[in-house]
Amino acid sequence: MTSIAHLGPAGSYSELAATNYAHWLKTHRNEVPNLKPYSTISKAIQAAAAGETDTAVVPIENSIGGSVRDTLDMLWELDSLKIQNNLVIPIHHALLSQATSLDLIKTVYSHPQALTQCQKWLATNVPNALQIATSSTTEALPKLSENKTFAAISPLWAAKLYNIPTLADPINDTPDNATRFWVLGQSLINHGSHTSLAFRLPDNTPGALLKPLQLFATQGINMSRIESRPTKLALGDYRFFIDIEASLDDPNTQAALQLLKNCTKSLKLFGSYKEIKAQIL
C-alpha cells in the first residue's frame, strides 16, 4: 500500500494537504494510500528519503509567512528526494480555546508560520498574551482543557475533531492566505509546468549571481521564485533556490542547465511537477 508522510498530529494543514494528495492518487491511479503523521517536517521528509514511506507531503511556501526553511534545507541535504507534485491549500485560521472571552487569554500556541500569519490580529485582540511556538497547528490542542487561559491558532475544522470551542474566526491578517505544499519522492520527474533547482556560486564576486540568472532570460524562461539560504558552512555563503516556469525536458531548459553548470559551484535538480487541485477542504 502506498504511504504518505506528513506533519501531524491529526487536524493539521499538512494532514489536509496529504488527504488531498491521497484523494488524487485514488482518483487518477486507483491507489488507496495510508497517511503517516510525524512530529516534525524534517522527520516526515526523512521518512520518505529512508523509504519508510513512498512520499512526503510538506509545506514549502506560505503567501504571508514566506518559505518554509526546514523543507528547503532538507531537500538540499537529501539527494534522493525529488518533487513529484505541487498543491495549494487555502489557510483559514481560527482561535480555539475553553475561555469565554478574549480578555481571559494569557497564552497562545501555534506553529511559527501560523503565529506570523496572525500577528496583526493578535496584537489588536490579545496584545498581552504570550505566544509560544509549537511543531504544528494542532500540537497544543490537548493542552487547552488544562487551562482556560490557553488558546491555539488552528484550522477551523480541527475544532470539531478535538471538540474544542471556537473563540474567534477567522483571524488571518489577510483573507488571501494559502500554503503551497510539495509532494516529495525518490523519482525524478522530467515533465511539468514548473521545475525547481538550487545551486551554489563558485565565489562571491560582482556579477556572480547575475550570470546564472541571465541564462534563463536568454532562453526565454521565466523565474517564478528565487530565494537564498545560508549553507551553514561560512558566513556569506549561500544556496539559491529557483523555480522556473518550464519543463525539465524542454530543449530551452536543457540548454540553460548546460550553461548553468559552467557558472555554479554545485547544481541540484529537484525535477518538474504540475499542480494538483485541492478538492477536500
C-alpha atoms as a PDB file:
ATOM      1  CA  MET A   1       0.000   0.000   0.000  1.00  0.00           C
ATOM      2  CA  THR A   2       1.226   3.496  -0.842  1.00  0.00           C
ATOM      3  CA  SER A   3       2.159   5.516   2.250  1.00  0.00           C
ATOM      4  CA  ILE A   4       2.362   9.298   2.676  1.00  0.00           C
ATOM      5  CA  ALA A   5       4.344  11.047   5.410  1.00  0.00           C
ATOM      6  CA  HIS A   6       3.119  14.389   6.701  1.00  0.00           C
ATOM      7  CA  LEU A   7       3.393  16.699   9.690  1.00  0.00           C
ATOM      8  CA  GLY A   8       0.951  15.685  12.415  1.00  0.00           C
ATOM      9  CA  PRO A   9      -0.877  15.308  14.662  1.00  0.00           C
ATOM     10  CA  ALA A  10      -4.389  14.900  13.282  1.00  0.00           C
ATOM     11  CA  GLY A  11      -6.107  18.061  12.119  1.00  0.00           C
ATOM     12  CA  SER A  12      -3.042  19.886  10.782  1.00  0.00           C
ATOM     13  CA  TYR A  13      -2.966  21.675   7.437  1.00  0.00           C
ATOM     14  CA  SER A  14      -0.296  19.181   6.378  1.00  0.00           C
ATOM     15  CA  GLU A  15      -2.753  16.357   7.004  1.00  0.00           C
ATOM     16  CA  LEU A  16      -5.311  18.195   4.878  1.00  0.00           C
ATOM     17  CA  ALA A  17      -2.747  18.524   2.066  1.00  0.00           C
ATOM     18  CA  ALA A  18      -1.821  14.843   2.398  1.00  0.00           C
ATOM     19  CA  THR A  19      -5.515  13.913   2.310  1.00  0.00           C
ATOM     20  CA  ASN A  20      -5.920  15.853  -0.930  1.00  0.00           C
ATOM     21  CA  TYR A  21      -2.951  14.065  -2.458  1.00  0.00           C
ATOM     22  CA  ALA A  22      -4.366  10.706  -1.327  1.00  0.00           C
ATOM     23  CA  HIS A  23      -7.667  11.618  -2.995  1.00  0.00           C
ATOM     24  CA  TRP A  24      -5.798  12.463  -6.208  1.00  0.00           C
ATOM     25  CA  LEU A  25      -3.987   9.109  -6.125  1.00  0.00           C
ATOM     26  CA  LYS A  26      -7.261   7.257  -5.651  1.00  0.00           C
ATOM     27  CA  THR A  27      -8.942   9.167  -8.477  1.00  0.00           C
ATOM     28  CA  HIS A  28      -6.098   9.072 -11.017  1.00  0.00           C
ATOM     29  CA  ARG A  29      -4.169   5.906 -10.119  1.00  0.00           C
ATOM     30  CA  ASN A  30      -6.728   3.803  -8.258  1.00  0.00           C
ATOM     31  CA  GLU A  31      -4.474   3.753  -5.172  1.00  0.00           C
ATOM     32  CA  VAL A  32      -5.694   3.959  -1.568  1.00  0.00           C
ATOM     33  CA  PRO A  33      -2.759   5.429   0.380  1.00  0.00           C
ATOM     34  CA  ASN A  34      -2.034   5.224   4.092  1.00  0.00           C
ATOM     35  CA  LEU A  35      -1.277   8.525   5.832  1.00  0.00           C
ATOM     36  CA  LYS A  36       1.531   8.509   8.414  1.00  0.00           C
ATOM     37  CA  PRO A  37       1.944  11.558  10.699  1.00  0.00           C
ATOM     38  CA  TYR A  38       5.356  12.650  12.018  1.00  0.00           C
ATOM     39  CA  SER A  39       6.190  15.119  14.777  1.00  0.00           C
ATOM     40  CA  THR A  40       8.268  17.471  12.589  1.00  0.00           C
ATOM     41  CA  ILE A  41       8.604  18.406   8.932  1.00  0.00           C
ATOM     42  CA  SER A  42      12.188  17.127   8.946  1.00  0.00           C
ATOM     43  CA  LYS A  43      11.126  13.688  10.220  1.00  0.00           C
ATOM     44  CA  ALA A  44       8.415  13.449   7.564  1.00  0.00           C
ATOM     45  CA  ILE A  45      10.951  14.248   4.842  1.00  0.00           C
ATOM     46  CA  GLN A  46      13.498  11.812   6.277  1.00  0.00           C
ATOM     47  CA  ALA A  47      10.852   9.068   6.274  1.00  0.00           C
ATOM     48  CA  ALA A  48      10.417   9.427   2.516  1.00  0.00           C
ATOM     49  CA  ALA A  49      14.186   9.602   1.973  1.00  0.00           C
ATOM     50  CA  ALA A  50      14.755   6.427   4.007  1.00  0.00           C
ATOM     51  CA  GLY A  51      11.955   4.517   2.262  1.00  0.00           C
ATOM     52  CA  GLU A  52       9.747   4.341   5.356  1.00  0.00           C
ATOM     53  CA  THR A  53       7.055   5.959   3.215  1.00  0.00           C
ATOM     54  CA  ASP A  54       6.638   6.341  -0.532  1.00  0.00           C
ATOM     55  CA  THR A  55       6.250  10.108  -0.403  1.00  0.00           C
ATOM     56  CA  ALA A  56       6.123  13.065   1.975  1.00  0.00           C
ATOM     57  CA  VAL A  57       3.708  15.977   1.656  1.00  0.00           C
ATOM     58  CA  VAL A  58       5.357  19.027   3.211  1.00  0.00           C
ATOM     59  CA  PRO A  59       4.815  22.810   3.156  1.00  0.00           C
ATOM     60  CA  ILE A  60       7.221  24.847   1.071  1.00  0.00           C
ATOM     61  CA  GLU A  61       5.785  28.360   0.970  1.00  0.00           C
ATOM     62  CA  ASN A  62       3.038  30.486   2.507  1.00  0.00           C
ATOM     63  CA  SER A  63       1.641  33.606   0.862  1.00  0.00           C
ATOM     64  CA  ILE A  64       2.183  35.609   4.079  1.00  0.00           C
ATOM     65  CA  GLY A  65       4.920  33.867   6.064  1.00  0.00           C
ATOM     66  CA  GLY A  66       7.146  33.055   3.099  1.00  0.00           C
ATOM     67  CA  SER A  67       9.192  29.916   2.548  1.00  0.00           C
ATOM     68  CA  VAL A  68       9.479  27.014   4.959  1.00  0.00           C
ATOM     69  CA  ARG A  69      13.191  26.810   5.718  1.00  0.00           C
ATOM     70  CA  ASP A  70      13.174  23.231   7.031  1.00  0.00           C
ATOM     71  CA  THR A  71      11.833  21.940   3.725  1.00  0.00           C
ATOM     72  CA  LEU A  72      14.379  23.831   1.614  1.00  0.00           C
ATOM     73  CA  ASP A  73      17.333  22.801   3.781  1.00  0.00           C
ATOM     74  CA  MET A  74      16.322  19.137   3.938  1.00  0.00           C
ATOM     75  CA  LEU A  75      15.713  18.955   0.196  1.00  0.00           C
ATOM     76  CA  TRP A  76      19.259  20.199  -0.462  1.00  0.00           C
ATOM     77  CA  GLU A  77      20.820  17.767   2.008  1.00  0.00           C
ATOM     78  CA  LEU A  78      18.923  14.645   0.894  1.00  0.00           C
ATOM     79  CA  ASP A  79      19.968  13.947  -2.682  1.00  0.00           C
ATOM     80  CA  SER A  80      17.499  11.087  -3.116  1.00  0.00           C
ATOM     81  CA  LEU A  81      14.363  13.223  -2.861  1.00  0.00           C
ATOM     82  CA  LYS A  82      12.709  14.965  -5.814  1.00  0.00           C
ATOM     83  CA  ILE A  83       9.482  16.913  -6.273  1.00  0.00           C
ATOM     84  CA  GLN A  84       6.596  14.828  -7.593  1.00  0.00           C
ATOM     85  CA  ASN A  85       3.675  17.245  -7.445  1.00  0.00           C
ATOM     86  CA  ASN A  86       2.586  20.640  -6.140  1.00  0.00           C
ATOM     87  CA  LEU A  87      -0.664  21.586  -4.404  1.00  0.00           C
ATOM     88  CA  VAL A  88      -2.021  24.753  -2.812  1.00  0.00           C
ATOM     89  CA  ILE A  89      -4.203  24.707   0.302  1.00  0.00           C
ATOM     90  CA  PRO A  90      -6.227  27.784   1.386  1.00  0.00           C
ATOM     91  CA  ILE A  91      -5.424  28.668   5.003  1.00  0.00           C
ATOM     92  CA  HIS A  92      -8.263  29.541   7.385  1.00  0.00           C
ATOM     93  CA  HIS A  93      -7.042  30.202  10.932  1.00  0.00           C
ATOM     94  CA  ALA A  94      -9.284  30.187  13.990  1.00  0.00           C
ATOM     95  CA  LEU A  95      -8.574  30.780  17.680  1.00  0.00           C
ATOM     96  CA  LEU A  96      -9.631  27.771  19.736  1.00  0.00           C
ATOM     97  CA  SER A  97      -9.987  27.932  23.499  1.00  0.00           C
ATOM     98  CA  GLN A  98     -12.092  26.922  26.504  1.00  0.00           C
ATOM     99  CA  ALA A  99     -12.122  30.602  27.521  1.00  0.00           C
ATOM    100  CA  THR A 100     -15.377  32.541  27.306  1.00  0.00           C
ATOM    101  CA  SER A 101     -13.778  35.825  26.160  1.00  0.00           C
ATOM    102  CA  LEU A 102     -10.579  37.125  24.595  1.00  0.00           C
ATOM    103  CA  ASP A 103      -9.760  39.069  27.770  1.00  0.00           C
ATOM    104  CA  LEU A 104      -9.063  35.793  29.576  1.00  0.00           C
ATOM    105  CA  ILE A 105      -6.405  34.595  27.094  1.00  0.00           C
ATOM    106  CA  LYS A 106      -2.871  34.688  28.501  1.00  0.00           C
ATOM    107  CA  THR A 107      -1.077  32.209  26.215  1.00  0.00           C
ATOM    108  CA  VAL A 108      -1.463  31.475  22.504  1.00  0.00           C
ATOM    109  CA  TYR A 109       0.108  28.354  20.987  1.00  0.00           C
ATOM    110  CA  SER A 110       0.674  27.508  17.339  1.00  0.00           C
ATOM    111  CA  HIS A 111       3.184  26.751  14.614  1.00  0.00           C
ATOM    112  CA  PRO A 112       5.548  29.702  13.941  1.00  0.00           C
ATOM    113  CA  GLN A 113       4.059  30.179  10.466  1.00  0.00           C
ATOM    114  CA  ALA A 114       0.537  30.459  11.893  1.00  0.00           C
ATOM    115  CA  LEU A 115       1.671  32.937  14.554  1.00  0.00           C
ATOM    116  CA  THR A 116       3.302  35.038  11.832  1.00  0.00           C
ATOM    117  CA  GLN A 117       0.181  34.951   9.680  1.00  0.00           C
ATOM    118  CA  CYS A 118      -1.971  36.296  12.548  1.00  0.00           C
ATOM    119  CA  GLN A 119       0.375  38.896  14.064  1.00  0.00           C
ATOM    120  CA  LYS A 120      -1.841  41.926  13.424  1.00  0.00           C
ATOM    121  CA  TRP A 121      -4.921  40.195  14.791  1.00  0.00           C
ATOM    122  CA  LEU A 122      -3.045  39.020  17.893  1.00  0.00           C
ATOM    123  CA  ALA A 123      -1.579  42.470  18.529  1.00  0.00           C
ATOM    124  CA  THR A 124      -5.040  44.034  18.336  1.00  0.00           C
ATOM    125  CA  ASN A 125      -7.127  41.446  20.191  1.00  0.00           C
ATOM    126  CA  VAL A 126      -4.794  39.724  22.683  1.00  0.00           C
ATOM    127  CA  PRO A 127      -1.824  42.124  22.883  1.00  0.00           C
ATOM    128  CA  ASN A 128      -0.573  40.857  26.251  1.00  0.00           C
ATOM    129  CA  ALA A 129      -0.805  37.143  25.510  1.00  0.00           C
ATOM    130  CA  LEU A 130       2.398  35.124  25.452  1.00  0.00           C
ATOM    131  CA  GLN A 131       2.973  33.491  22.051  1.00  0.00           C
ATOM    132  CA  ILE A 132       4.522  30.021  22.182  1.00  0.00           C
ATOM    133  CA  ALA A 133       5.669  28.214  19.028  1.00  0.00           C
ATOM    134  CA  THR A 134       4.802  24.536  18.563  1.00  0.00           C
ATOM    135  CA  SER A 135       5.741  21.987  15.918  1.00  0.00           C
ATOM    136  CA  SER A 136       2.277  22.091  14.312  1.00  0.00           C
ATOM    137  CA  THR A 137      -1.005  23.995  14.476  1.00  0.00           C
ATOM    138  CA  THR A 138      -2.657  21.148  16.398  1.00  0.00           C
ATOM    139  CA  GLU A 139       0.086  20.017  18.788  1.00  0.00           C
ATOM    140  CA  ALA A 140      -1.156  22.205  21.659  1.00  0.00           C
ATOM    141  CA  LEU A 141      -4.873  21.415  21.344  1.00  0.00           C
ATOM    142  CA  PRO A 142      -4.876  18.721  24.078  1.00  0.00           C
ATOM    143  CA  LYS A 143      -3.459  21.338  26.488  1.00  0.00           C
ATOM    144  CA  LEU A 144      -6.457  23.639  26.143  1.00  0.00           C
ATOM    145  CA  SER A 145      -8.563  21.555  28.506  1.00  0.00           C
ATOM    146  CA  GLU A 146      -5.943  22.050  31.244  1.00  0.00           C
ATOM    147  CA  ASN A 147      -6.250  25.822  31.473  1.00  0.00           C
ATOM    148  CA  LYS A 148      -8.952  28.216  30.253  1.00  0.00           C
ATOM    149  CA  THR A 149      -6.352  30.959  29.719  1.00  0.00           C
ATOM    150  CA  PHE A 150      -4.741  28.883  26.943  1.00  0.00           C
ATOM    151  CA  ALA A 151      -5.640  29.286  23.269  1.00  0.00           C
ATOM    152  CA  ALA A 152      -4.339  27.863  19.999  1.00  0.00           C
ATOM    153  CA  ILE A 153      -4.360  29.045  16.403  1.00  0.00           C
ATOM    154  CA  SER A 154      -5.574  26.039  14.428  1.00  0.00           C
ATOM    155  CA  PRO A 155      -7.590  25.034  11.380  1.00  0.00           C
ATOM    156  CA  LEU A 156     -11.305  25.633  11.889  1.00  0.00           C
ATOM    157  CA  TRP A 157     -12.135  22.006  11.215  1.00  0.00           C
ATOM    158  CA  ALA A 158      -9.740  20.910  13.992  1.00  0.00           C
ATOM    159  CA  ALA A 159     -12.230  22.399  16.473  1.00  0.00           C
ATOM    160  CA  LYS A 160     -14.733  19.671  15.580  1.00  0.00           C
ATOM    161  CA  LEU A 161     -12.084  16.967  15.534  1.00  0.00           C
ATOM    162  CA  TYR A 162     -10.869  17.807  19.057  1.00  0.00           C
ATOM    163  CA  ASN A 163     -14.244  19.072  20.343  1.00  0.00           C
ATOM    164  CA  ILE A 164     -12.859  22.491  21.322  1.00  0.00           C
ATOM    165  CA  PRO A 165     -14.906  25.729  21.143  1.00  0.00           C
ATOM    166  CA  THR A 166     -14.008  28.365  18.561  1.00  0.00           C
ATOM    167  CA  LEU A 167     -13.405  31.687  20.307  1.00  0.00           C
ATOM    168  CA  ALA A 168     -12.675  33.766  17.187  1.00  0.00           C
ATOM    169  CA  ASP A 169     -12.868  33.089  13.462  1.00  0.00           C
ATOM    170  CA  PRO A 170     -11.312  33.967  11.090  1.00  0.00           C
ATOM    171  CA  ILE A 171      -8.165  35.563  12.499  1.00  0.00           C
ATOM    172  CA  ASN A 172      -5.945  35.624   9.391  1.00  0.00           C
ATOM    173  CA  ASP A 173      -4.300  39.006   8.820  1.00  0.00           C
ATOM    174  CA  THR A 174      -5.423  38.724   5.207  1.00  0.00           C
ATOM    175  CA  PRO A 175      -8.156  36.590   3.592  1.00  0.00           C
ATOM    176  CA  ASP A 176      -5.855  35.670   0.694  1.00  0.00           C
ATOM    177  CA  ASN A 177      -3.803  33.207   2.733  1.00  0.00           C
ATOM    178  CA  ALA A 178      -2.617  29.976   1.148  1.00  0.00           C
ATOM    179  CA  THR A 179       0.195  27.472   1.618  1.00  0.00           C
ATOM    180  CA  ARG A 180       1.949  25.613  -1.169  1.00  0.00           C
ATOM    181  CA  PHE A 181       2.911  22.002  -0.494  1.00  0.00           C
ATOM    182  CA  TRP A 182       5.337  19.761  -2.330  1.00  0.00           C
ATOM    183  CA  VAL A 183       4.961  16.012  -2.713  1.00  0.00           C
ATOM    184  CA  LEU A 184       8.467  14.570  -2.331  1.00  0.00           C
ATOM    185  CA  GLY A 185       9.536  11.134  -3.549  1.00  0.00           C
ATOM    186  CA  GLN A 186      12.547   9.316  -4.927  1.00  0.00           C
ATOM    187  CA  SER A 187      11.837   9.514  -8.656  1.00  0.00           C
ATOM    188  CA  LEU A 188      12.929  12.394 -10.875  1.00  0.00           C
ATOM    189  CA  ILE A 189      10.070  13.786 -12.981  1.00  0.00           C
ATOM    190  CA  ASN A 190      11.128  15.363 -16.285  1.00  0.00           C
ATOM    191  CA  HIS A 191       7.832  16.896 -17.408  1.00  0.00           C
ATOM    192  CA  GLY A 192       5.592  19.503 -15.805  1.00  0.00           C
ATOM    193  CA  SER A 193       4.542  23.144 -15.758  1.00  0.00           C
ATOM    194  CA  HIS A 194       7.316  24.125 -13.318  1.00  0.00           C
ATOM    195  CA  THR A 195      10.836  22.977 -12.469  1.00  0.00           C
ATOM    196  CA  SER A 196      12.768  23.592  -9.246  1.00  0.00           C
ATOM    197  CA  LEU A 197      16.531  23.636  -8.776  1.00  0.00           C
ATOM    198  CA  ALA A 198      19.212  25.026  -6.484  1.00  0.00           C
ATOM    199  CA  PHE A 199      22.869  25.993  -6.812  1.00  0.00           C
ATOM    200  CA  ARG A 200      25.895  27.448  -5.044  1.00  0.00           C
ATOM    201  CA  LEU A 201      28.099  30.062  -6.633  1.00  0.00           C
ATOM    202  CA  PRO A 202      31.830  29.429  -7.152  1.00  0.00           C
ATOM    203  CA  ASP A 203      32.727  32.709  -5.417  1.00  0.00           C
ATOM    204  CA  ASN A 204      31.229  35.900  -4.013  1.00  0.00           C
ATOM    205  CA  THR A 205      32.220  38.428  -6.684  1.00  0.00           C
ATOM    206  CA  PRO A 206      30.371  41.206  -8.540  1.00  0.00           C
ATOM    207  CA  GLY A 207      28.049  39.699 -11.131  1.00  0.00           C
ATOM    208  CA  ALA A 208      28.428  36.124  -9.847  1.00  0.00           C
ATOM    209  CA  LEU A 209      24.682  35.730  -9.326  1.00  0.00           C
ATOM    210  CA  LEU A 210      23.756  37.756 -12.402  1.00  0.00           C
ATOM    211  CA  LYS A 211      25.408  35.267 -14.764  1.00  0.00           C
ATOM    212  CA  PRO A 212      23.231  32.232 -13.929  1.00  0.00           C
ATOM    213  CA  LEU A 213      20.060  34.327 -13.804  1.00  0.00           C
ATOM    214  CA  GLN A 214      20.720  35.807 -17.252  1.00  0.00           C
ATOM    215  CA  LEU A 215      20.878  32.314 -18.711  1.00  0.00           C
ATOM    216  CA  PHE A 216      17.180  31.774 -18.088  1.00  0.00           C
ATOM    217  CA  ALA A 217      16.286  35.151 -19.620  1.00  0.00           C
ATOM    218  CA  THR A 218      18.405  34.327 -22.683  1.00  0.00           C
ATOM    219  CA  GLN A 219      16.453  31.099 -23.165  1.00  0.00           C
ATOM    220  CA  GLY A 220      13.103  32.872 -22.675  1.00  0.00           C
ATOM    221  CA  ILE A 221      12.415  31.122 -19.345  1.00  0.00           C
ATOM    222  CA  ASN A 222      10.544  32.970 -16.602  1.00  0.00           C
ATOM    223  CA  MET A 223      11.547  32.548 -12.951  1.00  0.00           C
ATOM    224  CA  SER A 224       8.561  32.396 -10.579  1.00  0.00           C
ATOM    225  CA  ARG A 225      10.594  32.284  -7.337  1.00  0.00           C
ATOM    226  CA  ILE A 226      14.157  32.806  -6.111  1.00  0.00           C
ATOM    227  CA  GLU A 227      15.382  32.525  -2.536  1.00  0.00           C
ATOM    228  CA  SER A 228      18.729  32.306  -0.781  1.00  0.00           C
ATOM    229  CA  ARG A 229      19.524  30.101   2.204  1.00  0.00           C
ATOM    230  CA  PRO A 230      22.815  30.028   4.156  1.00  0.00           C
ATOM    231  CA  THR A 231      24.931  26.937   3.538  1.00  0.00           C
ATOM    232  CA  LYS A 232      25.876  26.902   7.256  1.00  0.00           C
ATOM    233  CA  LEU A 233      29.484  26.409   6.139  1.00  0.00           C
ATOM    234  CA  ALA A 234      30.692  30.012   6.216  1.00  0.00           C
ATOM    235  CA  LEU A 235      29.293  33.484   6.770  1.00  0.00           C
ATOM    236  CA  GLY A 236      28.133  34.934   3.462  1.00  0.00           C
ATOM    237  CA  ASP A 237      27.996  31.546   1.714  1.00  0.00           C
ATOM    238  CA  TYR A 238      24.539  30.884   0.260  1.00  0.00           C
ATOM    239  CA  ARG A 239      22.495  28.407  -1.730  1.00  0.00           C
ATOM    240  CA  PHE A 240      19.997  29.788  -4.216  1.00  0.00           C
ATOM    241  CA  PHE A 241      16.668  28.030  -4.776  1.00  0.00           C
ATOM    242  CA  ILE A 242      14.846  28.800  -8.016  1.00  0.00           C
ATOM    243  CA  ASP A 243      11.506  27.843  -9.547  1.00  0.00           C
ATOM    244  CA  ILE A 244      11.127  28.283 -13.294  1.00  0.00           C
ATOM    245  CA  GLU A 245       8.019  28.128 -15.455  1.00  0.00           C
ATOM    246  CA  ALA A 246       9.368  25.459 -17.766  1.00  0.00           C
ATOM    247  CA  SER A 247       9.571  21.704 -18.081  1.00  0.00           C
ATOM    248  CA  LEU A 248      12.837  19.876 -17.447  1.00  0.00           C
ATOM    249  CA  ASP A 249      12.582  18.022 -20.760  1.00  0.00           C
ATOM    250  CA  ASP A 250      12.167  21.239 -22.757  1.00  0.00           C
ATOM    251  CA  PRO A 251      15.171  21.905 -25.061  1.00  0.00           C
ATOM    252  CA  ASN A 252      15.426  25.506 -23.812  1.00  0.00           C
ATOM    253  CA  THR A 253      15.582  24.302 -20.213  1.00  0.00           C
ATOM    254  CA  GLN A 254      18.246  21.737 -21.084  1.00  0.00           C
ATOM    255  CA  ALA A 255      20.302  24.385 -22.871  1.00  0.00           C
ATOM    256  CA  ALA A 256      20.089  26.736 -19.871  1.00  0.00           C
ATOM    257  CA  LEU A 257      21.092  23.963 -17.453  1.00  0.00           C
ATOM    258  CA  GLN A 258      24.136  23.028 -19.511  1.00  0.00           C
ATOM    259  CA  LEU A 259      25.334  26.632 -19.400  1.00  0.00           C
ATOM    260  CA  LEU A 260      24.414  26.901 -15.726  1.00  0.00           C
ATOM    261  CA  LYS A 261      26.918  24.181 -14.831  1.00  0.00           C
ATOM    262  CA  ASN A 262      29.732  26.439 -16.041  1.00  0.00           C
ATOM    263  CA  CYS A 263      28.939  29.306 -13.655  1.00  0.00           C
ATOM    264  CA  THR A 264      27.931  27.460 -10.480  1.00  0.00           C
ATOM    265  CA  LYS A 265      29.895  25.509  -7.891  1.00  0.00           C
ATOM    266  CA  SER A 266      27.206  22.884  -7.395  1.00  0.00           C
ATOM    267  CA  LEU A 267      23.838  22.387  -9.055  1.00  0.00           C
ATOM    268  CA  LYS A 268      20.901  20.256  -7.901  1.00  0.00           C
ATOM    269  CA  LEU A 269      17.772  19.479  -9.911  1.00  0.00           C
ATOM    270  CA  PHE A 270      14.605  18.705  -7.952  1.00  0.00           C
ATOM    271  CA  GLY A 271      12.536  17.861 -11.010  1.00  0.00           C
ATOM    272  CA  SER A 272       9.432  19.090 -12.808  1.00  0.00           C
ATOM    273  CA  TYR A 273       5.893  18.951 -11.483  1.00  0.00           C
ATOM    274  CA  LYS A 274       2.336  20.100 -12.038  1.00  0.00           C
ATOM    275  CA  GLU A 275      -0.244  21.446  -9.635  1.00  0.00           C
ATOM    276  CA  ILE A 276      -2.895  19.201  -8.124  1.00  0.00           C
ATOM    277  CA  LYS A 277      -6.177  21.000  -7.445  1.00  0.00           C
ATOM    278  CA  ALA A 278      -7.265  20.768  -3.816  1.00  0.00           C
ATOM    279  CA  GLN A 279     -10.763  19.314  -3.507  1.00  0.00           C
ATOM    280  CA  ILE A 280     -11.087  18.310   0.149  1.00  0.00           C
ATOM    281  CA  LEU A 281     -11.255  21.479   2.264  1.00  0.00           C
END
